[in-house]
Structure formats: structure tokens, C-alpha cells
Amino acid sequence: MKIAVVALGKIGLPLAVQFASKGHEVVGVDVNEALVAVINEGREPFPGEAELDERLSRLVPAGRLVATTDYSQAIPEADAVVVVVPLFVNDETWQPDFGWMDSATASIGKHLTAGTLVSYETTLPVGTTRTRWKPMLEGASGLVEGKDFHLVFSPERVLTGRVFADLRKYPKLVGGLSVDGAARAIEFYEAVLDFDDRPDLERGNGVWDLGSAEASELAKLAETTYRDVNIGLANQFAKFAESNGIDIHQVIDASNSQPYSHIHRPGVAVGGHCIPVYPRLYLFNDPTASVVRAAREANMAMPQHAALLLEGAHGDLRGARVAVLGASYRGGVKETAFSGVFPLVDALRAKGADVLVHDPMYSDDEIRGFGWEPYHVGDPVGAVVVQADHAEYADLSPSDLPGLKAIVDGRRITDAGRFEGIPHRVIGVSTAAF
């Protein structure tokens, strides 16, 4: 097959590579000329994605994968077009911004030819595939969906850093606007993906037809919103535990020892492209969902809570030299999308602290590019907040942080025993619990 992949970011590029690995001819489209140039050299444009560099270095020279900024090179006569263009959400209004996706869809429609399957993988509000993309594609192309081309929604369900493993591990969900469209999508994804054996799944691993685009759209929103709500509940439990002489982590371990409880872990922030964003897309469809809204607000309040914990342990933070450890939204990943570092730095600065930021995955210049001064482990510091659970932080001790007067561990990665005599706070753990 000839396959076009639109947007070659941290999900789109591995998808393009996966399709090419199965022997298909893949053309990737992206508006970033520098990114396209790096890909066409057979080099990975971003670090940390397992298998990506090796596969690119093999597939690009073999002619299986080419990148371009020109839709006219990719879309015409394609058997399938897979769209992974980012969808943004306004931080203030929580409304989706379809700007980039609208532009990409218009360009796809302009060059769309009969017989093509178009699959959107970007997470969307329910109904978007049918009510927004279908009329836009039909209007731009002059073709009729269900007759001249087929349109489906099939959400990506992978985590950056392990995309290829996740593609094999999880069922591929599809939802079409017609029975024929769904059948085409099943045939396509079975030809480009491999699946691990999953005896734990009654339905078995593979491509699952959910019956409609709307069901497929909701499935992705539901699985991610569930996690945000669960973490919000854990954070509520954590705050209660801190005030009542309880270690919430022991409680969670105990609760989860029976099969009907799956409480997640509390923490300083919920970051990444998915969990902080997709509940807002759900609320776009269902604005009265009070549980979803309350959980999102509870999680957004955790950086401020961490700043309050540090103030309680250290005392007045005015003029204090405070290091935030971890710019990434989670350990081991070089990504700051919706990272808790941003609201945490703001909360500490609002209390008058002189805030510095450290992250083993970022250079000093990159740290400064975010508007922060870099901190180096071993330099004097008055207080610390651990924001990301990078493995490098697990062995920290006061000798690494000379002058330390207090530490708040927002990820429960440091060893309290190493900080004897220094206030060491962990979210969800009362000092009276020891």
C-alpha cells in the first residue's frame, strides 16, 4: 500500500516507521522543514523513543519512508491517510482549538483521490469525525464519504518512549461512519500492525470495531479521563492523610490488595499530552460532568499544594534559594507538555522564592529557554521540590544539596532515611505517621 501519515511528531513518526516496517510505501507530511530534513537523512529527530533510530536508519535508505512538506506528494492515490495532527485546548476556556487540524484537513481534502481510507488518530471530542471532518473533506475534494472514500476514527493508545511495544500490546480501536468504512479500517490496520498474544482479553488482541466513530472517540476520552479522575481521588485522599497522621501510600497498597480497587498514586502534578487535556475534551461534549471537572481542578491544584508543603517545612520562602528537580512531566522522558514544573515555579515565585530548575535530560541553555535559571546538583540550595521522578533523584542526599533546610518529594522517589534532621515531606504522608 501507499500510506500517507500527516504530522511526524512523537506519535506520527513512529507510526509511519511501523507502517514502513511492514513493507508498505510511506510518505510522511509535516510543516516543519527542519524535521523533514532530519528524517530524510535517516536520523531520529527526538531522543528517547525505543527502536526509532535503528528503524529509521534502515527504512529511509531503503526508500520505504520519505518525509515532505508537500501534501501533493503524499495524498493523491494513497490507499490510506493517517492523521495525527495535534489538537490544542485553551488553558483559560478549556475549549478545543481546531486550527492546525482544520488546516491539515483542508490540505488533505484538496488532494484526496477516490478509493482512499482516511483515519484520524488524534484524540477528539465525540462527534468531530462525523460533523466536522466529513463535511470538510467532502467540500474540499468534491468526493462523497462512504462512496468515493471512507472516513474512520481510530485513536492512538501509545506512550512516548515505548510506542512500538504499545502498538503490539493494546487492541487497535476503530469506528467508522459506515459498515464498509469500518471493514476497510480493519483490513488496513491488520496489514500494518502486529499484536501480542493477550489471553487476559476475552475478545482477544487485534483490531476492534466499536460500531461507530462516536464510540471510538468516546473510548479514548473515557480511558484517559478515568485516569485523571482516579488520580484526583488519590490526591484528595493524600491531602486528608497529611492532616490525619496517615501514610496514604500504605493505605493505597492495602486497598489495592483486593481485585476491585485500583487507586492510582497522588503526586505533585498530572502532566503530558493526554491526561491533563482529554478530560477537557470530554467536558466540551458534557459540560455538566461535575466529577470530571472536580478531578481536573483537584489535580491542577497540586503544584500549589506542594509549594504550601515546602513553606510549612522550611518557613517563609521569601528570598530562599529553591531548586525544582525535574522539568519533564514524568521521569525518563524529555517532554514538558503540561508539566507541573510551570505552575510549581509560578507558585514558588509567588511566595518570593528565588527558583532554579534542574533536569538531567535538559541542557542549561534549554532550561534558560523556558525562562528559568539552571540548578546544578552540588550547588548550595535552601529548599528542594522533586517534580519529576527521574531515576537520578532516587539516591539524593543532603551532601548533594549543601545548605538544604527542607525538601518536598512530589513523586515519592527519594529516601527519607538519607535526610535525617532535615524536614522531608512526601505528598500524602503525614509527618505524624512516623
Protein backbone atom coordinates (compact mmCIF):
# COMPACT_ATOMS: atom_id res chain seq x y z
CA MET A 1 0.00 0.00 0.00
CA LYS A 2 0.87 3.65 -0.35
CA ILE A 3 0.25 5.24 3.05
CA ALA A 4 0.38 8.93 3.96
CA VAL A 5 0.95 9.95 7.58
CA VAL A 6 0.09 13.57 8.34
CA ALA A 7 2.21 15.10 11.16
CA LEU A 8 5.51 13.46 12.08
CA GLY A 9 5.72 14.17 15.81
CA LYS A 10 6.41 11.80 18.66
CA ILE A 11 3.42 9.63 17.70
CA GLY A 12 3.14 10.21 13.96
CA LEU A 13 6.75 9.41 13.10
CA PRO A 14 6.82 6.06 14.94
CA LEU A 15 3.51 5.19 13.25
CA ALA A 16 5.00 5.98 9.84
CA VAL A 17 8.03 3.86 10.69
CA GLN A 18 5.81 1.00 11.85
CA PHE A 19 3.85 1.04 8.60
CA ALA A 20 7.06 1.12 6.56
CA SER A 21 8.47 -1.74 8.64
CA LYS A 22 5.60 -3.90 7.36
CA GLY A 23 6.73 -3.38 3.77
CA HIS A 24 4.47 -0.50 2.73
CA GLU A 25 5.42 2.70 0.90
CA VAL A 26 5.04 5.55 3.39
CA VAL A 27 5.12 9.30 2.78
CA GLY A 28 5.06 11.48 5.89
CA VAL A 29 3.88 15.10 5.76
CA ASP A 30 4.89 17.80 8.22
CA VAL A 31 5.01 21.60 8.11
CA ASN A 32 8.39 21.64 9.91
CA GLU A 33 11.06 21.78 7.21
CA ALA A 34 13.92 21.09 9.64
CA LEU A 35 12.14 18.00 10.97
CA VAL A 36 11.52 16.72 7.46
CA ALA A 37 15.20 17.18 6.57
CA VAL A 38 16.40 15.21 9.60
CA ILE A 39 14.00 12.35 8.86
CA ASN A 40 15.12 12.18 5.23
CA GLU A 41 18.69 11.80 6.48
CA GLY A 42 17.56 8.67 8.32
CA ARG A 43 18.17 10.21 11.75
CA GLU A 44 15.81 10.36 14.71
CA PRO A 45 14.73 13.97 15.32
CA PHE A 46 13.99 13.45 19.02
CA PRO A 47 15.69 11.13 21.52
CA GLY A 48 14.19 8.52 23.79
CA GLU A 49 11.90 6.50 21.51
CA ALA A 50 12.93 2.85 21.67
CA GLU A 51 13.81 1.28 18.27
CA LEU A 52 13.14 4.50 16.33
CA ASP A 53 16.74 5.38 15.41
CA GLU A 54 17.58 1.86 14.24
CA ARG A 55 14.44 1.55 12.15
CA LEU A 56 14.82 4.98 10.55
CA SER A 57 18.43 4.30 9.62
CA ARG A 58 17.28 1.17 7.79
CA LEU A 59 13.97 2.21 6.22
CA VAL A 60 14.85 5.65 4.83
CA PRO A 61 17.87 4.50 2.77
CA ALA A 62 15.77 1.57 1.54
CA GLY A 63 13.22 4.02 0.15
CA ARG A 64 10.37 2.76 2.33
CA LEU A 65 9.86 6.08 4.11
CA VAL A 66 10.17 9.63 2.85
CA ALA A 67 9.16 12.89 4.51
CA THR A 68 7.87 16.01 2.79
CA THR A 69 6.16 19.33 3.45
CA ASP A 70 4.11 18.92 0.26
CA TYR A 71 0.64 17.36 0.58
CA SER A 72 0.52 16.87 -3.19
CA GLN A 73 3.38 14.39 -2.87
CA ALA A 74 1.67 12.33 -0.18
CA ILE A 75 -2.11 12.34 -0.51
CA PRO A 76 -3.04 11.61 -4.16
CA GLU A 77 -3.57 7.91 -4.91
CA ALA A 78 -2.83 6.92 -1.30
CA ASP A 79 -4.55 3.77 -0.13
CA ALA A 80 -4.74 5.23 3.37
CA VAL A 81 -4.15 8.58 5.05
CA VAL A 82 -3.50 8.55 8.80
CA VAL A 83 -3.85 11.90 10.57
CA VAL A 84 -2.01 12.63 13.83
CA VAL A 85 -2.05 16.44 13.81
CA PRO A 86 -2.10 17.98 17.32
CA LEU A 87 -5.33 19.34 18.77
CA PHE A 88 -4.80 22.09 21.31
CA VAL A 89 -7.03 23.13 24.21
CA ASN A 90 -7.20 26.69 25.50
CA ASP A 91 -5.83 26.86 29.05
CA GLU A 92 -8.32 29.52 30.10
CA THR A 93 -11.56 28.44 28.42
CA TRP A 94 -10.84 24.68 28.12
CA GLN A 95 -12.22 24.86 24.57
CA PRO A 96 -10.54 22.88 21.77
CA ASP A 97 -8.58 24.83 19.17
CA PHE A 98 -9.01 23.02 15.84
CA GLY A 99 -6.78 25.44 13.92
CA TRP A 100 -3.96 23.09 12.96
CA MET A 101 -6.31 20.17 12.31
CA ASP A 102 -8.65 22.28 10.17
CA SER A 103 -5.69 23.42 8.08
CA ALA A 104 -4.39 19.88 7.64
CA THR A 105 -7.87 18.56 6.80
CA ALA A 106 -8.34 21.23 4.14
CA SER A 107 -4.99 20.28 2.59
CA ILE A 108 -5.87 16.58 2.68
CA GLY A 109 -9.25 17.24 1.05
CA LYS A 110 -7.68 19.36 -1.68
CA HIS A 111 -5.53 16.42 -2.82
CA LEU A 112 -7.78 13.49 -1.85
CA THR A 113 -8.48 10.92 -4.56
CA ALA A 114 -11.14 8.23 -4.80
CA GLY A 115 -10.60 4.94 -3.03
CA THR A 116 -8.68 6.30 -0.04
CA LEU A 117 -9.28 5.41 3.60
CA VAL A 118 -8.81 8.43 5.92
CA SER A 119 -8.21 7.62 9.57
CA TYR A 120 -7.95 10.26 12.29
CA GLU A 121 -5.91 9.15 15.31
CA THR A 122 -5.74 12.46 17.19
CA THR A 123 -7.98 12.38 20.27
CA LEU A 124 -11.18 14.32 19.54
CA PRO A 125 -14.44 15.42 21.16
CA VAL A 126 -17.25 12.99 20.42
CA GLY A 127 -18.87 13.67 17.06
CA THR A 128 -15.95 15.52 15.46
CA THR A 129 -15.20 12.89 12.83
CA ARG A 130 -18.78 12.87 11.53
CA THR A 131 -19.79 16.50 11.94
CA ARG A 132 -16.51 18.34 11.26
CA TRP A 133 -14.06 16.24 9.22
CA LYS A 134 -16.60 14.57 6.90
CA PRO A 135 -18.11 17.80 5.51
CA MET A 136 -14.69 19.47 5.31
CA LEU A 137 -13.17 16.57 3.34
CA GLU A 138 -16.20 16.28 1.07
CA GLY A 139 -16.29 20.02 0.43
CA ALA A 140 -12.60 20.30 -0.40
CA SER A 141 -12.40 17.14 -2.52
CA GLY A 142 -15.78 17.00 -4.25
CA LEU A 143 -15.91 13.33 -3.25
CA VAL A 144 -18.63 11.61 -1.23
CA GLU A 145 -17.75 9.81 2.00
CA GLY A 146 -18.95 6.21 2.05
CA LYS A 147 -18.97 6.08 -1.73
CA ASP A 148 -15.75 7.62 -3.05
CA PHE A 149 -13.68 7.43 0.14
CA HIS A 150 -14.05 6.16 3.69
CA LEU A 151 -13.55 8.04 6.95
CA VAL A 152 -12.91 6.46 10.37
CA PHE A 153 -11.66 7.36 13.82
CA SER A 154 -9.01 5.14 15.40
CA PRO A 155 -7.36 6.64 18.49
CA GLU A 156 -3.67 6.29 19.21
CA ARG A 157 -3.22 4.43 22.53
CA VAL A 158 0.54 4.58 23.00
CA LEU A 159 3.00 6.25 25.33
CA THR A 160 6.04 8.12 24.06
CA GLY A 161 9.22 6.18 24.66
CA ARG A 162 7.54 2.83 24.07
CA VAL A 163 5.32 3.37 21.03
CA PHE A 164 6.30 0.22 19.15
CA ALA A 165 5.75 -2.00 22.20
CA ASP A 166 2.38 -0.38 22.93
CA LEU A 167 1.24 -0.82 19.33
CA ARG A 168 1.69 -4.55 19.80
CA LYS A 169 0.26 -4.68 23.31
CA TYR A 170 -3.09 -2.92 23.07
CA PRO A 171 -6.11 -3.57 20.81
CA LYS A 172 -6.48 -1.13 17.93
CA LEU A 173 -9.89 0.52 18.20
CA VAL A 174 -11.72 1.64 15.07
CA GLY A 175 -15.05 3.28 14.45
CA GLY A 176 -16.38 4.10 11.01
CA LEU A 177 -19.16 6.18 9.54
CA SER A 178 -20.31 3.12 7.62
CA VAL A 179 -20.01 -0.66 7.76
CA ASP A 180 -17.84 -0.63 4.65
CA GLY A 181 -15.57 2.03 6.12
CA ALA A 182 -15.06 0.04 9.30
CA ALA A 183 -14.25 -3.05 7.24
CA ARG A 184 -11.63 -1.09 5.28
CA ALA A 185 -10.11 0.17 8.53
CA ILE A 186 -9.91 -3.33 9.99
CA GLU A 187 -8.24 -4.60 6.82
CA PHE A 188 -5.78 -1.69 6.85
CA TYR A 189 -4.70 -1.92 10.49
CA GLU A 190 -4.37 -5.69 10.33
CA ALA A 191 -1.94 -5.15 7.46
CA VAL A 192 0.25 -2.59 9.25
CA LEU A 193 0.28 -3.75 12.87
CA ASP A 194 1.34 -6.83 14.82
CA PHE A 195 -0.32 -7.85 18.07
CA ASP A 196 0.97 -9.63 21.16
CA ASP A 197 -1.00 -12.57 22.48
CA ARG A 198 -3.33 -11.30 25.23
CA PRO A 199 -5.06 -14.27 26.89
CA ASP A 200 -6.33 -11.84 29.55
CA LEU A 201 -8.63 -10.23 26.96
CA GLU A 202 -11.88 -12.11 26.41
CA ARG A 203 -12.16 -10.62 22.95
CA GLY A 204 -8.51 -11.25 22.15
CA ASN A 205 -5.93 -8.75 20.94
CA GLY A 206 -6.19 -7.20 17.49
CA VAL A 207 -8.38 -4.67 15.71
CA TRP A 208 -11.67 -4.00 17.48
CA ASP A 209 -14.62 -2.44 15.62
CA LEU A 210 -16.61 -0.35 18.12
CA GLY A 211 -19.51 0.15 15.73
CA SER A 212 -19.30 3.91 15.18
CA ALA A 213 -16.83 6.77 15.09
CA GLU A 214 -18.55 8.26 18.14
CA ALA A 215 -17.98 5.12 20.23
CA SER A 216 -14.33 5.06 19.23
CA GLU A 217 -13.94 8.75 20.08
CA LEU A 218 -15.54 8.22 23.49
CA ALA A 219 -13.42 5.15 24.23
CA LYS A 220 -10.23 7.22 24.09
CA LEU A 221 -11.72 10.04 26.15
CA ALA A 222 -13.08 7.56 28.70
CA GLU A 223 -9.85 5.65 29.27
CA THR A 224 -7.81 8.82 29.80
CA THR A 225 -10.45 10.72 31.78
CA TYR A 226 -10.72 7.71 34.09
CA ARG A 227 -7.06 8.10 34.96
CA ASP A 228 -7.41 11.82 35.69
CA VAL A 229 -10.44 11.21 37.91
CA ASN A 230 -8.66 8.36 39.69
CA ILE A 231 -5.57 10.49 40.34
CA GLY A 232 -7.80 13.34 41.51
CA LEU A 233 -9.35 10.99 44.05
CA ALA A 234 -5.90 9.84 45.16
CA ASN A 235 -4.84 13.45 45.62
CA GLN A 236 -7.92 14.16 47.73
CA PHE A 237 -7.10 11.13 49.87
CA ALA A 238 -3.48 12.34 50.10
CA LYS A 239 -4.44 15.74 51.49
CA PHE A 240 -6.72 14.14 54.06
CA ALA A 241 -3.99 11.71 55.09
CA GLU A 242 -1.46 14.51 55.58
CA SER A 243 -3.80 16.15 58.10
CA ASN A 244 -4.68 12.98 59.99
CA GLY A 245 -1.44 11.18 60.78
CA ILE A 246 -1.73 8.70 57.90
CA ASP A 247 0.59 7.49 55.13
CA ILE A 248 -1.73 7.32 52.11
CA HIS A 249 0.67 5.09 50.18
CA GLN A 250 0.29 2.35 52.78
CA VAL A 251 -3.47 2.78 52.56
CA ILE A 252 -3.43 2.53 48.76
CA ASP A 253 -1.28 -0.62 48.91
CA ALA A 254 -3.74 -2.13 51.35
CA SER A 255 -6.81 -1.12 49.34
CA ASN A 256 -5.39 -2.41 46.07
CA SER A 257 -4.58 -5.79 47.61
CA GLN A 258 -8.08 -6.93 46.64
CA PRO A 259 -9.11 -7.07 42.97
CA TYR A 260 -11.85 -4.44 42.99
CA SER A 261 -9.70 -1.47 43.98
CA HIS A 262 -7.28 0.20 41.56
CA ILE A 263 -6.44 3.50 43.25
CA HIS A 264 -3.69 5.43 41.46
CA ARG A 265 -0.92 7.39 43.20
CA PRO A 266 -1.04 11.02 44.30
CA GLY A 267 1.60 13.46 43.14
CA VAL A 268 2.72 17.00 42.61
CA ALA A 269 1.15 17.26 39.14
CA VAL A 270 -0.51 15.42 36.27
CA GLY A 271 1.31 16.20 33.03
CA GLY A 272 1.78 15.05 29.47
CA HIS A 273 -0.14 15.44 26.24
CA CYS A 274 -3.03 13.22 27.32
CA ILE A 275 -4.33 13.11 30.89
CA PRO A 276 -4.49 16.87 31.56
CA VAL A 277 -6.05 17.56 28.16
CA TYR A 278 -8.58 14.88 27.28
CA PRO A 279 -10.91 15.42 30.27
CA ARG A 280 -11.38 18.94 28.89
CA LEU A 281 -12.35 17.49 25.53
CA TYR A 282 -14.87 15.28 27.31
CA LEU A 283 -16.25 18.33 29.14
CA PHE A 284 -16.63 20.04 25.75
CA ASN A 285 -19.33 17.44 25.00
CA ASP A 286 -20.61 17.01 28.55
CA PRO A 287 -20.14 20.30 30.46
CA THR A 288 -22.32 19.11 33.38
CA ALA A 289 -19.89 16.27 34.22
CA SER A 290 -19.16 17.53 37.73
CA VAL A 291 -16.99 14.56 38.71
CA VAL A 292 -14.68 15.09 35.74
CA ARG A 293 -14.43 18.83 36.35
CA ALA A 294 -13.77 18.42 40.08
CA ALA A 295 -10.98 15.90 39.46
CA ARG A 296 -9.31 18.13 36.87
CA GLU A 297 -9.44 21.09 39.26
CA ALA A 298 -8.11 18.97 42.14
CA ASN A 299 -5.14 17.85 40.08
CA MET A 300 -4.42 21.37 38.86
CA ALA A 301 -4.21 22.49 42.50
CA MET A 302 -1.42 20.07 43.44
CA PRO A 303 1.58 22.27 42.48
CA GLN A 304 0.22 24.99 44.76
CA HIS A 305 -0.23 22.35 47.48
CA ALA A 306 3.41 21.30 47.08
CA ALA A 307 4.50 24.92 47.48
CA LEU A 308 2.46 25.15 50.68
CA LEU A 309 4.06 21.95 51.99
CA LEU A 310 7.50 23.40 51.35
CA GLU A 311 6.59 26.65 53.06
CA GLY A 312 5.37 24.69 56.07
CA ALA A 313 8.58 22.67 56.25
CA HIS A 314 11.02 25.49 55.51
CA GLY A 315 9.28 28.58 56.81
CA ASP A 316 8.98 31.86 54.94
CA LEU A 317 10.25 31.33 51.38
CA ARG A 318 10.93 34.99 50.61
CA GLY A 319 14.46 35.19 49.31
CA ALA A 320 15.02 31.44 49.71
CA ARG A 321 17.02 29.65 47.02
CA VAL A 322 14.69 26.84 45.89
CA ALA A 323 15.51 24.16 43.34
CA VAL A 324 12.77 22.38 41.43
CA LEU A 325 14.09 18.99 40.36
CA GLY A 326 12.57 17.86 37.10
CA ALA A 327 11.29 19.90 34.18
CA SER A 328 9.85 16.86 32.41
CA TYR A 329 6.30 15.84 33.17
CA ARG A 330 7.50 12.35 34.15
CA GLY A 331 10.76 10.59 34.81
CA GLY A 332 12.91 9.33 31.97
CA VAL A 333 11.13 11.33 29.27
CA LYS A 334 12.36 14.57 27.74
CA GLU A 335 8.98 16.24 27.41
CA THR A 336 7.48 19.26 29.19
CA ALA A 337 3.93 19.13 27.79
CA PHE A 338 1.66 20.33 30.61
CA SER A 339 4.44 19.57 33.06
CA GLY A 340 3.87 20.51 36.68
CA VAL A 341 7.12 22.45 36.59
CA PHE A 342 5.35 25.51 35.13
CA PRO A 343 2.66 26.06 37.80
CA LEU A 344 5.08 24.92 40.52
CA VAL A 345 7.71 27.52 39.59
CA ASP A 346 4.97 30.16 39.44
CA ALA A 347 3.63 29.16 42.88
CA LEU A 348 7.09 29.28 44.46
CA ARG A 349 7.92 32.62 42.86
CA ALA A 350 4.62 34.00 44.14
CA LYS A 351 5.88 33.19 47.63
CA GLY A 352 9.05 35.19 46.98
CA ALA A 353 11.42 32.29 46.37
CA ASP A 354 14.44 32.50 44.07
CA VAL A 355 13.63 29.46 41.92
CA LEU A 356 16.06 27.39 39.88
CA VAL A 357 15.32 24.28 37.82
CA HIS A 358 17.30 21.09 37.27
CA ASP A 359 16.66 18.25 34.85
CA PRO A 360 19.27 15.67 33.79
CA MET A 361 17.69 15.47 30.31
CA TYR A 362 17.95 19.20 29.55
CA SER A 363 20.99 21.39 28.95
CA ASP A 364 21.48 24.70 30.75
CA ASP A 365 20.59 26.56 27.58
CA GLU A 366 17.38 24.56 27.24
CA ILE A 367 16.47 25.33 30.86
CA ARG A 368 17.11 29.02 30.25
CA GLY A 369 14.97 28.80 27.14
CA PHE A 370 11.97 28.19 29.39
CA GLY A 371 12.77 31.36 31.35
CA TRP A 372 14.44 29.66 34.35
CA GLU A 373 17.93 29.64 35.76
CA PRO A 374 19.51 26.17 35.84
CA TYR A 375 20.41 24.46 39.09
CA HIS A 376 23.35 22.06 39.35
CA VAL A 377 23.32 19.26 41.90
CA GLY A 378 26.08 20.03 44.37
CA ASP A 379 25.45 23.79 44.42
CA PRO A 380 24.15 25.41 47.62
CA VAL A 381 20.36 25.43 47.94
CA GLY A 382 17.94 26.21 50.73
CA ALA A 383 14.99 24.05 49.70
CA VAL A 384 14.03 21.50 47.08
CA VAL A 385 10.85 20.20 45.45
CA VAL A 386 11.09 16.97 43.44
CA GLN A 387 8.75 17.45 40.48
CA ALA A 388 9.72 14.54 38.17
CA ASP A 389 10.72 11.03 39.19
CA HIS A 390 13.94 10.82 37.21
CA ALA A 391 15.99 7.83 38.37
CA GLU A 392 18.90 10.16 39.13
CA TYR A 393 16.96 11.62 42.07
CA ALA A 394 16.46 8.34 43.92
CA ASP A 395 19.90 8.46 45.55
CA LEU A 396 19.96 12.12 46.53
CA SER A 397 21.21 13.01 49.99
CA PRO A 398 22.00 16.26 51.85
CA SER A 399 25.60 16.10 50.62
CA ASP A 400 24.25 16.62 47.09
CA LEU A 401 22.23 19.63 48.24
CA PRO A 402 24.50 21.67 50.55
CA GLY A 403 22.64 24.07 52.80
CA LEU A 404 19.35 22.21 52.45
CA LYS A 405 16.75 23.16 55.06
CA ALA A 406 13.69 21.33 53.68
CA ILE A 407 12.67 19.02 50.85
CA VAL A 408 9.26 18.13 49.42
CA ASP A 409 9.18 14.97 47.34
CA GLY A 410 6.24 15.23 44.97
CA ARG A 411 6.90 11.80 43.45
CA ARG A 412 7.90 9.63 46.43
CA ILE A 413 11.26 8.74 44.90
CA THR A 414 13.78 10.00 47.47
CA ASP A 415 14.81 8.08 50.59
CA ALA A 416 13.62 9.84 53.74
CA GLY A 417 16.26 7.97 55.75
CA ARG A 418 19.00 9.89 53.97
CA PHE A 419 17.64 13.23 55.20
CA GLU A 420 17.82 12.73 58.94
CA GLY A 421 17.44 16.02 60.76
CA ILE A 422 16.09 17.80 57.66
CA PRO A 423 12.33 18.19 57.14
CA HIS A 424 11.40 15.73 54.40
CA ARG A 425 7.82 15.88 53.18
CA VAL A 426 6.11 13.47 50.79
CA ILE A 427 2.71 14.23 49.27
CA GLY A 428 0.16 12.04 51.04
CA VAL A 429 2.34 11.26 54.06
CA SER A 430 1.76 12.95 57.41
CA THR A 431 4.86 13.70 59.47
CA ALA A 432 2.86 12.34 62.40
CA ALA A 433 2.69 8.97 60.64
CA PHE A 434 6.29 8.15 61.54
